[in-house]
Amino acid sequence: MDKEIENIIEMAKSGNAECQYKLGCAYMSGELVDYGIDIDMQKSAYWFYSAALQGHYMACFNVGIMFEDGVGFKQSFEKAF
C-alpha cells in the first residue's frame, strides 16, 4: 500500500476529520481499489459519520444524503434532515 494512503488511514483512525472524510470518499467511489480499498458503503458511512460528528460540513452533507437514500445506513428521512 502507498505510504500516503497508509498515513491517511492512520490519521483517520486517530480522529482527523479531513482524513476520515477522504477515507469515506475512497470507500464510496472505489478510487483507491488498486490500493486495497474496495467500494464499501458501510465503511464509507462509518468514516463520513465520524467526520460529521466533528463538524466536517461535506461529511455532514454526505451522511444526510446516505440516510435519505438508505445507502450505508438504514433509510431515515428524519436523520437525513
N, C-alpha and C. Protein backbone atom coordinates (compact mmCIF):
# COMPACT_ATOMS: atom_id res chain seq x y z
N MET A 1 0.85 -1.19 0.00
CA MET A 1 0.00 0.00 0.00
C MET A 1 0.89 1.24 0.00
N ASP A 2 0.46 2.25 -0.67
CA ASP A 2 1.17 3.51 -0.78
C ASP A 2 1.30 4.19 0.59
N LYS A 3 2.45 4.76 0.86
CA LYS A 3 2.73 5.39 2.17
C LYS A 3 1.75 6.53 2.47
N GLU A 4 1.40 7.32 1.47
CA GLU A 4 0.46 8.42 1.68
C GLU A 4 -0.92 7.90 2.11
N ILE A 5 -1.35 6.83 1.49
CA ILE A 5 -2.64 6.23 1.84
C ILE A 5 -2.58 5.64 3.23
N GLU A 6 -1.48 5.00 3.57
CA GLU A 6 -1.31 4.48 4.93
C GLU A 6 -1.39 5.60 5.95
N ASN A 7 -0.80 6.74 5.65
CA ASN A 7 -0.85 7.90 6.55
C ASN A 7 -2.27 8.41 6.71
N ILE A 8 -3.02 8.48 5.62
CA ILE A 8 -4.41 8.94 5.69
C ILE A 8 -5.22 8.00 6.57
N ILE A 9 -5.02 6.70 6.40
CA ILE A 9 -5.75 5.73 7.22
C ILE A 9 -5.40 5.88 8.69
N GLU A 10 -4.12 6.01 8.99
CA GLU A 10 -3.69 6.16 10.39
C GLU A 10 -4.24 7.46 11.00
N MET A 11 -4.19 8.55 10.23
CA MET A 11 -4.71 9.82 10.74
C MET A 11 -6.22 9.77 10.93
N ALA A 12 -6.92 9.07 10.03
CA ALA A 12 -8.37 8.91 10.18
C ALA A 12 -8.68 8.14 11.47
N LYS A 13 -7.94 7.07 11.70
CA LYS A 13 -8.13 6.28 12.93
C LYS A 13 -7.82 7.09 14.18
N SER A 14 -6.92 8.08 14.04
CA SER A 14 -6.54 8.93 15.17
C SER A 14 -7.51 10.08 15.38
N GLY A 15 -8.52 10.21 14.49
CA GLY A 15 -9.55 11.23 14.70
C GLY A 15 -9.46 12.45 13.81
N ASN A 16 -8.61 12.44 12.81
CA ASN A 16 -8.50 13.58 11.90
C ASN A 16 -9.72 13.61 10.98
N ALA A 17 -10.56 14.63 11.12
CA ALA A 17 -11.83 14.70 10.38
C ALA A 17 -11.62 14.76 8.87
N GLU A 18 -10.64 15.51 8.40
CA GLU A 18 -10.40 15.60 6.96
C GLU A 18 -9.98 14.25 6.39
N CYS A 19 -9.16 13.52 7.10
CA CYS A 19 -8.74 12.20 6.64
C CYS A 19 -9.89 11.20 6.72
N GLN A 20 -10.74 11.34 7.72
CA GLN A 20 -11.92 10.50 7.81
C GLN A 20 -12.83 10.75 6.60
N TYR A 21 -12.99 12.01 6.25
CA TYR A 21 -13.79 12.36 5.08
C TYR A 21 -13.18 11.77 3.81
N LYS A 22 -11.88 11.92 3.64
CA LYS A 22 -11.20 11.39 2.45
C LYS A 22 -11.34 9.87 2.37
N LEU A 23 -11.24 9.20 3.50
CA LEU A 23 -11.39 7.75 3.52
C LEU A 23 -12.83 7.36 3.17
N GLY A 24 -13.78 8.11 3.68
CA GLY A 24 -15.18 7.88 3.31
C GLY A 24 -15.40 8.02 1.81
N CYS A 25 -14.78 9.03 1.22
CA CYS A 25 -14.87 9.22 -0.24
C CYS A 25 -14.25 8.05 -0.98
N ALA A 26 -13.11 7.58 -0.51
CA ALA A 26 -12.42 6.48 -1.17
C ALA A 26 -13.26 5.21 -1.13
N TYR A 27 -13.88 4.92 0.01
CA TYR A 27 -14.73 3.74 0.11
C TYR A 27 -15.99 3.89 -0.74
N MET A 28 -16.47 5.10 -0.92
CA MET A 28 -17.67 5.33 -1.71
C MET A 28 -17.38 5.21 -3.21
N SER A 29 -16.27 5.75 -3.64
CA SER A 29 -16.00 5.86 -5.07
C SER A 29 -15.21 4.69 -5.66
N GLY A 30 -14.44 4.03 -4.83
CA GLY A 30 -13.58 2.97 -5.35
C GLY A 30 -12.32 3.49 -6.00
N GLU A 31 -12.03 4.78 -5.81
CA GLU A 31 -10.87 5.39 -6.46
C GLU A 31 -9.54 4.80 -6.00
N LEU A 32 -9.53 4.12 -4.87
CA LEU A 32 -8.29 3.52 -4.36
C LEU A 32 -8.34 2.00 -4.35
N VAL A 33 -9.16 1.44 -5.24
CA VAL A 33 -9.29 -0.02 -5.29
C VAL A 33 -7.95 -0.68 -5.59
N ASP A 34 -7.10 -0.01 -6.34
CA ASP A 34 -5.77 -0.55 -6.64
C ASP A 34 -4.89 -0.65 -5.40
N TYR A 35 -5.28 0.04 -4.33
CA TYR A 35 -4.52 0.03 -3.09
C TYR A 35 -5.22 -0.78 -2.00
N GLY A 36 -6.20 -1.58 -2.38
CA GLY A 36 -6.86 -2.45 -1.43
C GLY A 36 -8.06 -1.84 -0.73
N ILE A 37 -8.52 -0.68 -1.19
CA ILE A 37 -9.70 -0.04 -0.60
C ILE A 37 -10.84 -0.18 -1.60
N ASP A 38 -11.61 -1.26 -1.45
CA ASP A 38 -12.72 -1.53 -2.36
C ASP A 38 -13.93 -0.69 -1.99
N ILE A 39 -14.87 -0.61 -2.91
CA ILE A 39 -16.12 0.09 -2.62
C ILE A 39 -16.82 -0.65 -1.48
N ASP A 40 -17.17 0.10 -0.45
CA ASP A 40 -17.83 -0.45 0.72
C ASP A 40 -18.65 0.67 1.35
N MET A 41 -19.94 0.67 1.09
CA MET A 41 -20.78 1.78 1.53
C MET A 41 -20.94 1.83 3.05
N GLN A 42 -20.84 0.70 3.72
CA GLN A 42 -20.93 0.71 5.19
C GLN A 42 -19.70 1.37 5.79
N LYS A 43 -18.53 1.05 5.25
CA LYS A 43 -17.30 1.70 5.74
C LYS A 43 -17.29 3.18 5.36
N SER A 44 -17.80 3.48 4.18
CA SER A 44 -17.90 4.88 3.77
C SER A 44 -18.78 5.66 4.76
N ALA A 45 -19.92 5.08 5.09
CA ALA A 45 -20.84 5.72 6.03
C ALA A 45 -20.17 5.91 7.40
N TYR A 46 -19.44 4.89 7.84
CA TYR A 46 -18.75 4.99 9.13
C TYR A 46 -17.78 6.17 9.15
N TRP A 47 -16.96 6.30 8.10
CA TRP A 47 -15.97 7.37 8.09
C TRP A 47 -16.60 8.73 7.89
N PHE A 48 -17.63 8.83 7.05
CA PHE A 48 -18.33 10.10 6.89
C PHE A 48 -18.97 10.52 8.22
N TYR A 49 -19.60 9.56 8.89
CA TYR A 49 -20.27 9.86 10.17
C TYR A 49 -19.25 10.30 11.21
N SER A 50 -18.10 9.64 11.24
CA SER A 50 -17.05 10.03 12.19
C SER A 50 -16.60 11.47 11.95
N ALA A 51 -16.43 11.83 10.69
CA ALA A 51 -16.03 13.21 10.36
C ALA A 51 -17.16 14.20 10.64
N ALA A 52 -18.39 13.78 10.35
CA ALA A 52 -19.54 14.67 10.58
C ALA A 52 -19.71 15.00 12.06
N LEU A 53 -19.44 14.04 12.93
CA LEU A 53 -19.54 14.29 14.37
C LEU A 53 -18.58 15.39 14.82
N GLN A 54 -17.55 15.63 14.03
CA GLN A 54 -16.60 16.69 14.34
C GLN A 54 -16.91 17.98 13.59
N GLY A 55 -18.03 17.99 12.86
CA GLY A 55 -18.46 19.20 12.19
C GLY A 55 -17.95 19.37 10.77
N HIS A 56 -17.38 18.34 10.18
CA HIS A 56 -16.91 18.44 8.79
C HIS A 56 -18.13 18.60 7.90
N TYR A 57 -18.27 19.76 7.26
CA TYR A 57 -19.52 20.09 6.57
C TYR A 57 -19.82 19.19 5.38
N MET A 58 -18.83 18.79 4.61
CA MET A 58 -19.09 17.90 3.47
C MET A 58 -19.46 16.49 3.95
N ALA A 59 -18.86 16.07 5.04
CA ALA A 59 -19.22 14.77 5.61
C ALA A 59 -20.67 14.82 6.11
N CYS A 60 -21.07 15.93 6.73
CA CYS A 60 -22.46 16.09 7.18
C CYS A 60 -23.42 15.98 6.00
N PHE A 61 -23.08 16.63 4.91
CA PHE A 61 -23.89 16.58 3.70
C PHE A 61 -24.02 15.14 3.20
N ASN A 62 -22.89 14.44 3.11
CA ASN A 62 -22.90 13.07 2.60
C ASN A 62 -23.69 12.13 3.52
N VAL A 63 -23.55 12.31 4.82
CA VAL A 63 -24.31 11.49 5.77
C VAL A 63 -25.81 11.71 5.56
N GLY A 64 -26.21 12.95 5.38
CA GLY A 64 -27.62 13.26 5.13
C GLY A 64 -28.15 12.58 3.88
N ILE A 65 -27.38 12.65 2.81
CA ILE A 65 -27.78 12.01 1.55
C ILE A 65 -27.85 10.49 1.72
N MET A 66 -26.88 9.94 2.44
CA MET A 66 -26.85 8.49 2.64
C MET A 66 -28.05 8.02 3.48
N PHE A 67 -28.43 8.80 4.51
CA PHE A 67 -29.63 8.47 5.28
C PHE A 67 -30.87 8.59 4.40
N GLU A 68 -30.93 9.63 3.60
CA GLU A 68 -32.09 9.84 2.72
C GLU A 68 -32.26 8.68 1.73
N ASP A 69 -31.16 8.23 1.17
CA ASP A 69 -31.20 7.18 0.15
C ASP A 69 -31.13 5.77 0.73
N GLY A 70 -30.81 5.64 2.01
CA GLY A 70 -30.67 4.33 2.62
C GLY A 70 -29.43 3.60 2.15
N VAL A 71 -28.37 4.35 1.94
CA VAL A 71 -27.10 3.78 1.48
C VAL A 71 -26.09 3.87 2.61
N GLY A 72 -25.65 2.72 3.10
CA GLY A 72 -24.70 2.69 4.20
C GLY A 72 -25.35 2.80 5.57
N PHE A 73 -26.56 3.32 5.59
CA PHE A 73 -27.37 3.45 6.80
C PHE A 73 -28.78 2.95 6.47
N LYS A 74 -29.53 2.59 7.48
CA LYS A 74 -30.95 2.31 7.27
C LYS A 74 -31.62 3.63 6.89
N GLN A 75 -32.44 3.61 5.88
CA GLN A 75 -33.08 4.83 5.40
C GLN A 75 -33.87 5.51 6.53
N SER A 76 -33.62 6.81 6.68
CA SER A 76 -34.31 7.60 7.70
C SER A 76 -34.39 9.04 7.23
N PHE A 77 -35.61 9.46 6.88
CA PHE A 77 -35.78 10.83 6.43
C PHE A 77 -35.59 11.80 7.60
N GLU A 78 -35.94 11.37 8.81
CA GLU A 78 -35.74 12.21 9.99
C GLU A 78 -34.25 12.52 10.19
N LYS A 79 -33.43 11.48 10.12
CA LYS A 79 -31.99 11.68 10.32
C LYS A 79 -31.35 12.38 9.14
N ALA A 80 -31.95 12.23 7.97
CA ALA A 80 -31.39 12.86 6.77
C ALA A 80 -31.47 14.38 6.86
N PHE A 81 -32.48 14.88 7.54
CA PHE A 81 -32.65 16.32 7.63
C PHE A 81 -32.47 16.77 9.05
